[in-house]
C-alpha atoms as a PDB file:
ATOM      1  CA  MET A   1     -48.479  -8.701 -27.894  1.00  0.00           C
ATOM      2  CA  ARG A   2     -47.236  -5.733 -26.111  1.00  0.00           C
ATOM      3  CA  ASN A   3     -47.121  -7.530 -22.563  1.00  0.00           C
ATOM      4  CA  ILE A   4     -45.437 -10.623 -24.085  1.00  0.00           C
ATOM      5  CA  LEU A   5     -42.572  -8.360 -25.190  1.00  0.00           C
ATOM      6  CA  ALA A   6     -42.245  -6.442 -21.999  1.00  0.00           C
ATOM      7  CA  THR A   7     -42.274  -9.541 -20.075  1.00  0.00           C
ATOM      8  CA  LEU A   8     -39.414 -10.941 -22.193  1.00  0.00           C
ATOM      9  CA  ALA A   9     -37.432  -7.597 -21.852  1.00  0.00           C
ATOM     10  CA  ILE A  10     -37.658  -7.832 -18.184  1.00  0.00           C
ATOM     11  CA  ALA A  11     -36.469 -11.678 -18.142  1.00  0.00           C
ATOM     12  CA  VAL A  12     -33.655 -10.598 -20.534  1.00  0.00           C
ATOM     13  CA  PHE A  13     -32.824  -7.571 -18.495  1.00  0.00           C
ATOM     14  CA  CYS A  14     -32.731 -10.041 -15.470  1.00  0.00           C
ATOM     15  CA  ILE A  15     -30.273 -12.120 -16.959  1.00  0.00           C
ATOM     16  CA  ILE A  16     -27.986  -9.647 -18.133  1.00  0.00           C
ATOM     17  CA  ALA A  17     -27.705  -7.532 -15.184  1.00  0.00           C
ATOM     18  CA  PRO A  18     -26.015  -9.670 -12.905  1.00  0.00           C
ATOM     19  CA  LEU A  19     -23.404 -10.698 -15.684  1.00  0.00           C
ATOM     20  CA  SER A  20     -22.831  -7.247 -16.528  1.00  0.00           C
ATOM     21  CA  ALA A  21     -22.043  -6.325 -12.485  1.00  0.00           C
ATOM     22  CA  HIS A  22     -19.751  -9.463 -12.348  1.00  0.00           C
ATOM     23  CA  ALA A  23     -17.914  -8.584 -15.510  1.00  0.00           C
ATOM     24  CA  GLN A  24     -17.332  -4.826 -14.249  1.00  0.00           C
ATOM     25  CA  PRO A  25     -13.899  -4.854 -12.881  1.00  0.00           C
ATOM     26  CA  VAL A  26     -12.780  -3.577  -9.626  1.00  0.00           C
ATOM     27  CA  LYS A  27     -10.401  -0.812 -10.084  1.00  0.00           C
ATOM     28  CA  PHE A  28      -7.507  -0.923  -7.620  1.00  0.00           C
ATOM     29  CA  GLY A  29      -5.142   2.241  -7.195  1.00  0.00           C
ATOM     30  CA  VAL A  30      -1.331   0.898  -6.905  1.00  0.00           C
ATOM     31  CA  PRO A  31       1.116   3.472  -6.121  1.00  0.00           C
ATOM     32  CA  PRO A  32       4.683   1.761  -7.274  1.00  0.00           C
ATOM     33  CA  TRP A  33       5.801   0.592  -3.682  1.00  0.00           C
ATOM     34  CA  PRO A  34       6.425  -3.045  -3.052  1.00  0.00           C
ATOM     35  CA  GLY A  35       4.112  -3.953  -0.260  1.00  0.00           C
ATOM     36  CA  VAL A  36       0.920  -2.514  -2.140  1.00  0.00           C
ATOM     37  CA  THR A  37       2.020  -3.915  -5.443  1.00  0.00           C
ATOM     38  CA  VAL A  38       1.979  -7.615  -3.897  1.00  0.00           C
ATOM     39  CA  LYS A  39      -0.879  -6.784  -1.516  1.00  0.00           C
ATOM     40  CA  THR A  40      -3.113  -5.795  -4.412  1.00  0.00           C
ATOM     41  CA  GLU A  41      -1.949  -8.950  -6.545  1.00  0.00           C
ATOM     42  CA  VAL A  42      -2.836 -11.297  -4.068  1.00  0.00           C
ATOM     43  CA  VAL A  43      -6.193  -9.428  -3.626  1.00  0.00           C
ATOM     44  CA  ALA A  44      -6.868  -9.868  -7.432  1.00  0.00           C
ATOM     45  CA  GLN A  45      -6.009 -13.241  -7.794  1.00  0.00           C
ATOM     46  CA  ILE A  46      -8.261 -14.088  -4.846  1.00  0.00           C
ATOM     47  CA  LEU A  47     -10.801 -12.080  -6.340  1.00  0.00           C
ATOM     48  CA  GLU A  48     -10.264 -13.953 -10.156  1.00  0.00           C
ATOM     49  CA  ALA A  49     -10.401 -17.447  -8.365  1.00  0.00           C
ATOM     50  CA  ILE A  50     -13.949 -16.544  -6.765  1.00  0.00           C
ATOM     51  CA  GLY A  51     -15.246 -15.077 -10.340  1.00  0.00           C
ATOM     52  CA  TYR A  52     -14.603 -11.232  -9.717  1.00  0.00           C
ATOM     53  CA  GLU A  53     -12.777  -9.306 -12.293  1.00  0.00           C
ATOM     54  CA  SER A  54     -10.359  -6.426 -11.089  1.00  0.00           C
ATOM     55  CA  LYS A  55      -7.698  -3.724 -12.561  1.00  0.00           C
ATOM     56  CA  GLN A  56      -4.388  -2.328 -11.295  1.00  0.00           C
ATOM     57  CA  VAL A  57      -4.321   1.402 -11.885  1.00  0.00           C
ATOM     58  CA  GLU A  58      -0.732   1.919 -11.394  1.00  0.00           C
ATOM     59  CA  VAL A  59      -0.478   5.768 -10.495  1.00  0.00           C
ATOM     60  CA  SER A  60       0.831   8.105  -7.831  1.00  0.00           C
ATOM     61  CA  ALA A  61      -0.914   8.341  -4.227  1.00  0.00           C
ATOM     62  CA  VAL A  62      -1.919  11.960  -5.273  1.00  0.00           C
ATOM     63  CA  MET A  63      -3.821  10.512  -8.057  1.00  0.00           C
ATOM     64  CA  VAL A  64      -5.611   7.130  -6.190  1.00  0.00           C
ATOM     65  CA  TYR A  65      -6.718   9.574  -3.858  1.00  0.00           C
ATOM     66  CA  ASN A  66      -8.349  11.708  -6.580  1.00  0.00           C
ATOM     67  CA  GLY A  67      -9.343   8.965  -8.362  1.00  0.00           C
ATOM     68  CA  LEU A  68     -11.720   7.427  -5.422  1.00  0.00           C
ATOM     69  CA  THR A  69     -13.617  10.776  -5.751  1.00  0.00           C
ATOM     70  CA  THR A  70     -13.939  10.850  -9.432  1.00  0.00           C
ATOM     71  CA  GLY A  71     -14.899   6.971 -10.510  1.00  0.00           C
ATOM     72  CA  ASP A  72     -11.250   6.218 -11.787  1.00  0.00           C
ATOM     73  CA  VAL A  73     -10.294   4.288  -8.459  1.00  0.00           C
ATOM     74  CA  ASP A  74     -12.497   1.783  -6.533  1.00  0.00           C
ATOM     75  CA  ALA A  75     -10.358   0.731  -3.863  1.00  0.00           C
ATOM     76  CA  TYR A  76      -6.845   1.415  -2.349  1.00  0.00           C
ATOM     77  CA  LEU A  77      -4.728  -0.560  -0.033  1.00  0.00           C
ATOM     78  CA  ALA A  78      -2.314   1.374   1.137  1.00  0.00           C
ATOM     79  CA  SER A  79      -3.688   4.300   3.282  1.00  0.00           C
ATOM     80  CA  TRP A  80      -0.737   4.757   5.319  1.00  0.00           C
ATOM     81  CA  ILE A  81      -1.735   7.048   8.143  1.00  0.00           C
ATOM     82  CA  PRO A  82      -0.675   9.629   9.535  1.00  0.00           C
ATOM     83  CA  LEU A  83       1.882   9.301   6.802  1.00  0.00           C
ATOM     84  CA  GLN A  84      -0.676  10.531   3.976  1.00  0.00           C
ATOM     85  CA  ASN A  85      -2.533  12.614   6.097  1.00  0.00           C
ATOM     86  CA  GLU A  86      -2.163  15.930   3.475  1.00  0.00           C
ATOM     87  CA  LEU A  87      -3.941  13.789   1.310  1.00  0.00           C
ATOM     88  CA  PHE A  88      -6.109  11.617   3.175  1.00  0.00           C
ATOM     89  CA  ASN A  89      -7.694  14.392   5.720  1.00  0.00           C
ATOM     90  CA  PRO A  90      -9.012  16.877   3.303  1.00  0.00           C
ATOM     91  CA  LEU A  91     -11.107  14.076   1.478  1.00  0.00           C
ATOM     92  CA  ASN A  92     -11.850  12.412   4.713  1.00  0.00           C
ATOM     93  CA  GLU A  93     -13.590  15.812   6.045  1.00  0.00           C
ATOM     94  CA  LYS A  94     -15.428  15.679   3.087  1.00  0.00           C
ATOM     95  CA  ASN A  95     -16.688  12.149   3.445  1.00  0.00           C
ATOM     96  CA  ALA A  96     -15.174  11.839   0.122  1.00  0.00           C
ATOM     97  CA  PHE A  97     -14.591   7.893   0.319  1.00  0.00           C
ATOM     98  CA  GLU A  98     -15.308   5.188   2.964  1.00  0.00           C
ATOM     99  CA  ILE A  99     -12.954   3.928   5.234  1.00  0.00           C
ATOM    100  CA  VAL A 100     -13.436   0.216   5.024  1.00  0.00           C
ATOM    101  CA  GLY A 101     -11.105  -0.968   7.614  1.00  0.00           C
ATOM    102  CA  THR A 102      -7.594  -1.708   8.589  1.00  0.00           C
ATOM    103  CA  ASN A 103      -5.539  -3.958   6.826  1.00  0.00           C
ATOM    104  CA  LEU A 104      -2.404  -3.431   8.314  1.00  0.00           C
ATOM    105  CA  ASP A 105      -1.535  -2.051  12.255  1.00  0.00           C
ATOM    106  CA  GLU A 106       2.451  -3.120  12.601  1.00  0.00           C
ATOM    107  CA  ALA A 107       3.949  -0.560  10.375  1.00  0.00           C
ATOM    108  CA  GLY A 108       6.030   2.540  10.932  1.00  0.00           C
ATOM    109  CA  VAL A 109       8.335   5.351   9.225  1.00  0.00           C
ATOM    110  CA  SER A 110      11.418   7.124  10.122  1.00  0.00           C
ATOM    111  CA  LEU A 111      14.771   8.371   8.597  1.00  0.00           C
ATOM    112  CA  ALA A 112      17.261   5.768   8.741  1.00  0.00           C
ATOM    113  CA  VAL A 113      21.137   5.000   8.855  1.00  0.00           C
ATOM    114  CA  PRO A 114      23.230   2.188   8.209  1.00  0.00           C
ATOM    115  CA  ASN A 115      24.577   0.549  11.235  1.00  0.00           C
ATOM    116  CA  TYR A 116      27.786   1.912  11.328  1.00  0.00           C
ATOM    117  CA  VAL A 117      26.517   5.415  10.851  1.00  0.00           C
ATOM    118  CA  TRP A 118      24.382   4.790  14.355  1.00  0.00           C
ATOM    119  CA  ASP A 119      27.525   3.407  15.738  1.00  0.00           C
ATOM    120  CA  ALA A 120      29.435   6.603  15.037  1.00  0.00           C
ATOM    121  CA  GLY A 121      26.738   8.340  17.362  1.00  0.00           C
ATOM    122  CA  VAL A 122      23.852   9.407  14.758  1.00  0.00           C
ATOM    123  CA  ARG A 123      21.006   8.192  16.747  1.00  0.00           C
ATOM    124  CA  SER A 124      18.208  11.034  16.374  1.00  0.00           C
ATOM    125  CA  ILE A 125      17.364  13.466  13.630  1.00  0.00           C
ATOM    126  CA  ALA A 126      18.830  16.015  16.135  1.00  0.00           C
ATOM    127  CA  ASP A 127      22.176  14.514  15.389  1.00  0.00           C
ATOM    128  CA  LEU A 128      22.158  14.681  11.489  1.00  0.00           C
ATOM    129  CA  ALA A 129      22.762  18.737  11.017  1.00  0.00           C
ATOM    130  CA  PRO A 130      26.276  18.499  13.251  1.00  0.00           C
ATOM    131  CA  ASN A 131      27.351  15.923  10.584  1.00  0.00           C
ATOM    132  CA  ALA A 132      25.950  17.622   7.462  1.00  0.00           C
ATOM    133  CA  ASP A 133      29.100  17.265   5.605  1.00  0.00           C
ATOM    134  CA  LYS A 134      29.165  13.997   6.091  1.00  0.00           C
ATOM    135  CA  PHE A 135      25.939  13.479   4.739  1.00  0.00           C
ATOM    136  CA  GLU A 136      26.312  15.967   1.469  1.00  0.00           C
ATOM    137  CA  ASN A 137      23.499  17.863   3.451  1.00  0.00           C
ATOM    138  CA  THR A 138      21.310  15.335   1.591  1.00  0.00           C
ATOM    139  CA  ILE A 139      18.391  12.746   2.537  1.00  0.00           C
ATOM    140  CA  TYR A 140      17.506  10.224   0.250  1.00  0.00           C
ATOM    141  CA  SER A 141      13.766  10.402  -0.647  1.00  0.00           C
ATOM    142  CA  ILE A 142      11.030   8.138  -2.095  1.00  0.00           C
ATOM    143  CA  GLU A 143       9.392   9.859  -5.200  1.00  0.00           C
ATOM    144  CA  VAL A 144       7.928  13.293  -4.983  1.00  0.00           C
ATOM    145  CA  GLY A 145       3.987  13.559  -3.749  1.00  0.00           C
ATOM    146  CA  SER A 146       4.546  10.487  -1.339  1.00  0.00           C
ATOM    147  CA  GLY A 147       3.914  11.013   2.287  1.00  0.00           C
ATOM    148  CA  MET A 148       7.344  10.224   3.528  1.00  0.00           C
ATOM    149  CA  GLN A 149       8.660  13.096   0.890  1.00  0.00           C
ATOM    150  CA  THR A 150       5.905  15.804   1.871  1.00  0.00           C
ATOM    151  CA  SER A 151       6.527  15.180   5.568  1.00  0.00           C
ATOM    152  CA  THR A 152      10.157  15.898   5.056  1.00  0.00           C
ATOM    153  CA  GLU A 153       9.932  18.697   2.666  1.00  0.00           C
ATOM    154  CA  LYS A 154       7.921  20.234   5.851  1.00  0.00           C
ATOM    155  CA  ILE A 155      10.964  19.179   8.304  1.00  0.00           C
ATOM    156  CA  ILE A 156      13.173  21.231   5.764  1.00  0.00           C
ATOM    157  CA  ASP A 157      11.107  24.039   5.164  1.00  0.00           C
ATOM    158  CA  ASN A 158      10.468  24.896   8.777  1.00  0.00           C
ATOM    159  CA  ASN A 159      13.996  24.127   9.620  1.00  0.00           C
ATOM    160  CA  VAL A 160      13.348  21.685  12.160  1.00  0.00           C
ATOM    161  CA  ALA A 161      16.599  20.184  13.701  1.00  0.00           C
ATOM    162  CA  ASN A 162      18.595  22.756  11.646  1.00  0.00           C
ATOM    163  CA  LEU A 163      17.734  21.005   8.565  1.00  0.00           C
ATOM    164  CA  GLY A 164      16.799  23.927   6.548  1.00  0.00           C
ATOM    165  CA  ASP A 165      19.780  23.921   4.300  1.00  0.00           C
ATOM    166  CA  TRP A 166      19.290  20.117   3.422  1.00  0.00           C
ATOM    167  CA  LYS A 167      18.122  18.810   0.430  1.00  0.00           C
ATOM    168  CA  MET A 168      15.940  15.673  -0.625  1.00  0.00           C
ATOM    169  CA  LEU A 169      17.137  13.214  -3.532  1.00  0.00           C
ATOM    170  CA  CYS A 170      13.800  11.935  -4.493  1.00  0.00           C
ATOM    171  CA  SER A 171      13.426   8.843  -6.511  1.00  0.00           C
ATOM    172  CA  PRO A 172      11.056   5.768  -6.792  1.00  0.00           C
ATOM    173  CA  VAL A 173      11.681   3.106  -4.130  1.00  0.00           C
ATOM    174  CA  PRO A 174      13.362   0.685  -5.809  1.00  0.00           C
ATOM    175  CA  ALA A 175      16.011   3.649  -7.289  1.00  0.00           C
ATOM    176  CA  MET A 176      16.315   5.053  -3.750  1.00  0.00           C
ATOM    177  CA  ILE A 177      17.108   1.591  -2.026  1.00  0.00           C
ATOM    178  CA  LYS A 178      19.898   0.964  -4.930  1.00  0.00           C
ATOM    179  CA  ALA A 179      21.373   4.405  -4.529  1.00  0.00           C
ATOM    180  CA  VAL A 180      21.544   3.654  -0.949  1.00  0.00           C
ATOM    181  CA  GLN A 181      23.086   0.164  -1.044  1.00  0.00           C
ATOM    182  CA  ASP A 182      25.559   1.808  -3.261  1.00  0.00           C
ATOM    183  CA  LYS A 183      26.535   4.417  -0.110  1.00  0.00           C
ATOM    184  CA  ILE A 184      26.616   1.254   2.477  1.00  0.00           C
ATOM    185  CA  LYS A 185      28.874  -0.711  -0.052  1.00  0.00           C
ATOM    186  CA  HIS A 186      31.435   1.859  -0.035  1.00  0.00           C
ATOM    187  CA  LYS A 187      30.822   2.874   4.023  1.00  0.00           C
ATOM    188  CA  GLN A 188      29.570   6.346   3.011  1.00  0.00           C
ATOM    189  CA  TRP A 189      27.190   8.284   5.151  1.00  0.00           C
ATOM    190  CA  VAL A 190      24.167   8.226   3.970  1.00  0.00           C
ATOM    191  CA  VAL A 191      20.296   8.880   5.759  1.00  0.00           C
ATOM    192  CA  PHE A 192      17.519   7.746   3.757  1.00  0.00           C
ATOM    193  CA  HIS A 193      13.403   7.024   4.405  1.00  0.00           C
ATOM    194  CA  GLY A 194      13.349   3.923   6.023  1.00  0.00           C
ATOM    195  CA  TRP A 195       9.839   2.094   7.256  1.00  0.00           C
ATOM    196  CA  ARG A 196       8.457  -1.237   8.103  1.00  0.00           C
ATOM    197  CA  PRO A 197       7.261  -3.756   6.825  1.00  0.00           C
ATOM    198  CA  HIS A 198       9.712  -3.710   4.359  1.00  0.00           C
ATOM    199  CA  TRP A 199      12.567  -6.444   3.363  1.00  0.00           C
ATOM    200  CA  MET A 200      15.098  -3.729   3.950  1.00  0.00           C
ATOM    201  CA  ASN A 201      14.521  -4.457   7.734  1.00  0.00           C
ATOM    202  CA  PHE A 202      16.362  -7.549   7.494  1.00  0.00           C
ATOM    203  CA  GLN A 203      18.429  -7.204   4.258  1.00  0.00           C
ATOM    204  CA  MET A 204      20.339  -4.060   5.299  1.00  0.00           C
ATOM    205  CA  ASP A 205      22.155  -3.204   8.502  1.00  0.00           C
ATOM    206  CA  MET A 206      20.182  -0.242   9.725  1.00  0.00           C
ATOM    207  CA  LYS A 207      18.700   1.291  12.201  1.00  0.00           C
ATOM    208  CA  PHE A 208      15.835   3.839  12.401  1.00  0.00           C
ATOM    209  CA  LEU A 209      16.179   7.487  14.191  1.00  0.00           C
ATOM    210  CA  THR A 210      14.303   9.143  16.850  1.00  0.00           C
ATOM    211  CA  GLY A 211      12.469  12.154  16.226  1.00  0.00           C
ATOM    212  CA  VAL A 212      12.037  15.684  17.560  1.00  0.00           C
ATOM    213  CA  PRO A 213       9.525  18.019  17.929  1.00  0.00           C
ATOM    214  CA  GLY A 214       8.479  19.173  14.594  1.00  0.00           C
ATOM    215  CA  THR A 215       9.032  15.503  12.938  1.00  0.00           C
ATOM    216  CA  GLU A 216       5.555  13.796  13.995  1.00  0.00           C
ATOM    217  CA  GLY A 217       4.392  13.697  10.460  1.00  0.00           C
ATOM    218  CA  LEU A 218       7.081  11.553   9.513  1.00  0.00           C
ATOM    219  CA  VAL A 219       8.362   9.579  12.227  1.00  0.00           C
ATOM    220  CA  ASN A 220       5.405   7.532  13.844  1.00  0.00           C
ATOM    221  CA  GLU A 221       3.805   4.239  14.284  1.00  0.00           C
ATOM    222  CA  SER A 222       1.272   3.796  11.244  1.00  0.00           C
ATOM    223  CA  ILE A 223      -1.667   1.929  10.544  1.00  0.00           C
ATOM    224  CA  VAL A 224      -2.938   1.116   7.008  1.00  0.00           C
ATOM    225  CA  TYR A 225      -6.628   1.765   5.622  1.00  0.00           C
ATOM    226  CA  THR A 226      -8.434   0.035   2.873  1.00  0.00           C
ATOM    227  CA  LEU A 227     -10.423   2.822   0.983  1.00  0.00           C
ATOM    228  CA  ALA A 228     -13.035   2.555  -1.285  1.00  0.00           C
ATOM    229  CA  SER A 229     -15.497   4.498  -3.303  1.00  0.00           C
ATOM    230  CA  ASN A 230     -18.637   5.698  -1.476  1.00  0.00           C
ATOM    231  CA  ASP A 231     -20.594   3.622  -4.158  1.00  0.00           C
ATOM    232  CA  PHE A 232     -18.069   0.588  -3.579  1.00  0.00           C
ATOM    233  CA  LYS A 233     -20.349  -1.281  -1.251  1.00  0.00           C
ATOM    234  CA  ASP A 234     -23.599  -0.860  -3.487  1.00  0.00           C
ATOM    235  CA  ARG A 235     -21.634  -1.953  -6.877  1.00  0.00           C
ATOM    236  CA  PHE A 236     -19.700  -4.813  -5.476  1.00  0.00           C
ATOM    237  CA  PRO A 237     -21.417  -6.042  -1.772  1.00  0.00           C
ATOM    238  CA  GLN A 238     -19.259  -9.405  -1.799  1.00  0.00           C
ATOM    239  CA  VAL A 239     -15.660  -7.718  -2.505  1.00  0.00           C
ATOM    240  CA  HIS A 240     -16.856  -4.988  -0.036  1.00  0.00           C
ATOM    241  CA  THR A 241     -17.341  -7.955   2.611  1.00  0.00           C
ATOM    242  CA  PHE A 242     -13.698  -9.492   1.367  1.00  0.00           C
ATOM    243  CA  LEU A 243     -11.834  -5.896   1.868  1.00  0.00           C
ATOM    244  CA  LYS A 244     -13.566  -5.343   5.189  1.00  0.00           C
ATOM    245  CA  ASN A 245     -11.962  -8.757   6.507  1.00  0.00           C
ATOM    246  CA  LEU A 246      -8.782  -8.273   5.231  1.00  0.00           C
ATOM    247  CA  TYR A 247      -5.954  -7.913   8.036  1.00  0.00           C
ATOM    248  CA  ILE A 248      -2.306  -8.904   6.946  1.00  0.00           C
ATOM    249  CA  SER A 249       0.660  -9.284   9.438  1.00  0.00           C
ATOM    250  CA  GLY A 250       3.773  -6.905   9.366  1.00  0.00           C
ATOM    251  CA  HIS A 251       5.575 -10.407   9.061  1.00  0.00           C
ATOM    252  CA  THR A 252       3.493 -11.313   5.695  1.00  0.00           C
ATOM    253  CA  GLN A 253       4.051  -8.219   4.147  1.00  0.00           C
ATOM    254  CA  SER A 254       7.497  -8.155   4.501  1.00  0.00           C
ATOM    255  CA  GLU A 255       7.947 -11.726   3.624  1.00  0.00           C
ATOM    256  CA  TRP A 256       5.797 -10.393   0.232  1.00  0.00           C
ATOM    257  CA  ILE A 257       8.088  -7.311  -0.184  1.00  0.00           C
ATOM    258  CA  ASN A 258      11.375  -9.587   0.564  1.00  0.00           C
ATOM    259  CA  GLU A 259      10.046 -12.184  -2.476  1.00  0.00           C
ATOM    260  CA  TYR A 260       9.263  -9.138  -4.886  1.00  0.00           C
ATOM    261  CA  GLY A 261      11.432  -6.269  -3.934  1.00  0.00           C
ATOM    262  CA  PHE A 262      14.643  -8.374  -2.849  1.00  0.00           C
ATOM    263  CA  LYS A 263      14.351 -11.708  -4.731  1.00  0.00           C
ATOM    264  CA  GLU A 264      13.027  -9.740  -7.873  1.00  0.00           C
ATOM    265  CA  GLN A 265      10.427 -12.279  -8.369  1.00  0.00           C
ATOM    266  CA  ALA A 266       7.238 -11.165 -10.122  1.00  0.00           C
ATOM    267  CA  PRO A 267       4.337 -10.245  -8.147  1.00  0.00           C
ATOM    268  CA  GLU A 268       2.119 -12.805  -9.605  1.00  0.00           C
ATOM    269  CA  THR A 269       4.504 -15.498  -8.923  1.00  0.00           C
ATOM    270  CA  VAL A 270       4.754 -14.289  -5.178  1.00  0.00           C
ATOM    271  CA  ALA A 271       0.871 -13.832  -4.929  1.00  0.00           C
ATOM    272  CA  THR A 272       0.146 -17.402  -6.383  1.00  0.00           C
ATOM    273  CA  LYS A 273       2.674 -19.313  -4.086  1.00  0.00           C
ATOM    274  CA  TRP A 274       1.570 -17.637  -1.232  1.00  0.00           C
ATOM    275  CA  ILE A 275      -2.162 -18.185  -1.693  1.00  0.00           C
ATOM    276  CA  LYS A 276      -1.734 -21.898  -2.187  1.00  0.00           C
ATOM    277  CA  ASN A 277       0.265 -22.109   0.719  1.00  0.00           C
ATOM    278  CA  ASN A 278      -1.904 -19.755   3.066  1.00  0.00           C
ATOM    279  CA  MET A 279      -5.394 -21.175   2.926  1.00  0.00           C
ATOM    280  CA  LYS A 280      -5.866 -20.747   6.739  1.00  0.00           C
ATOM    281  CA  THR A 281      -5.074 -17.110   6.605  1.00  0.00           C
ATOM    282  CA  ILE A 282      -7.173 -16.196   3.935  1.00  0.00           C
ATOM    283  CA  ALA A 283     -10.052 -18.342   5.068  1.00  0.00           C
ATOM    284  CA  PRO A 284     -11.347 -15.189   7.509  1.00  0.00           C
ATOM    285  CA  TRP A 285     -11.011 -12.713   4.481  1.00  0.00           C
ATOM    286  CA  LEU A 286     -13.774 -14.738   2.851  1.00  0.00           C
ATOM    287  CA  LYS A 287     -15.849 -14.904   5.650  1.00  0.00           C
ATOM    288  CA  GLY A 288     -19.625 -14.199   4.837  1.00  0.00           C
ATOM    289  CA  VAL A 289     -18.299 -13.582   1.319  1.00  0.00           C
ATOM    290  CA  LYS A 290     -20.575 -15.391  -1.829  1.00  0.00           C
ATOM    291  CA  ALA A 291     -18.273 -16.178  -5.004  1.00  0.00           C
ATOM    292  CA  ALA A 292     -20.007 -14.994  -8.196  1.00  0.00           C
ATOM    293  CA  ASN A 293     -21.652 -17.907  -8.976  1.00  0.00           C
ATOM    294  CA  GLY A 294     -23.310 -17.371  -5.207  1.00  0.00           C
ATOM    295  CA  LYS A 295     -21.382 -20.425  -3.296  1.00  0.00           C
ATOM    296  CA  PRO A 296     -19.157 -19.691  -0.555  1.00  0.00           C
ATOM    297  CA  ALA A 297     -15.931 -18.165  -1.698  1.00  0.00           C
ATOM    298  CA  MET A 298     -13.931 -19.995   0.307  1.00  0.00           C
ATOM    299  CA  GLU A 299     -15.570 -23.203  -1.041  1.00  0.00           C
ATOM    300  CA  VAL A 300     -14.471 -22.014  -4.534  1.00  0.00           C
ATOM    301  CA  LEU A 301     -11.080 -20.778  -3.998  1.00  0.00           C
ATOM    302  CA  ARG A 302     -10.189 -24.238  -2.673  1.00  0.00           C
ATOM    303  CA  LYS A 303     -11.894 -25.995  -6.056  1.00  0.00           C
ATOM    304  CA  ALA A 304      -9.588 -23.033  -7.976  1.00  0.00           C
ATOM    305  CA  ILE A 305      -6.794 -23.757  -6.169  1.00  0.00           C
ATOM    306  CA  ALA A 306      -6.997 -27.713  -6.406  1.00  0.00           C
ATOM    307  CA  SER A 307      -7.506 -27.609 -10.185  1.00  0.00           C
END
């Protein structure tokens, strides 16, 4: 009798264990940035279509990096390097997470000004201090704790380019852009955090400033890593393969950001429309990936989209 019960117990466990694994959601860390918001939504919708659950944890980048080490976050699609080096390097040196792959390599960051300020001769960060009064000694920054904010804070603290008496006006990305647009509308001088890919590059008349020694942490060409917790591959092997394959062009991410951030479409709408119209782009992402039912993921996705 005991042998029969033991056999039944093993059988039940074998049935339940896979179902539990598939039901366990992948927790994505999502800071409040348009690019990662839509990118994560695209990935989440693809995962749902092939039978895997996901959860989007909307927190700051600081909390995302910490969450990768505590189990609160499983994966992160927006590790901008070198911009986030202060968050990235200490944990990477401890092997506290896995670098799954590079999902974007056409990125760049600097301070930016409107075209009319550029035309007036402000083309380098070195040109800011001589025009401090026109800028009201203020740099418009994204949220406190972001890579751009902390890099700019270092520039000010170290008096790089004589910016030691400048201040930052920090706010979430949408609020910062709105404030900058208001300045531009009235032809006022303004300097702000700019980056690509982003809709600002083709919806706003703006130019990126060249850097000077000491601004390398802010002014740079960037790559964006996909990060995951160290046990991610063991817990989500098929999703791990998907994320390892994930690569997004700068044009595609700018398109997503424009639809969401500028045209104000819901990220769910942007993602659904893009997935339906870009199956050829998605196919390499799902190469070698099996859906939750064991079938090829791309085959399952096509059926889900067609239904």
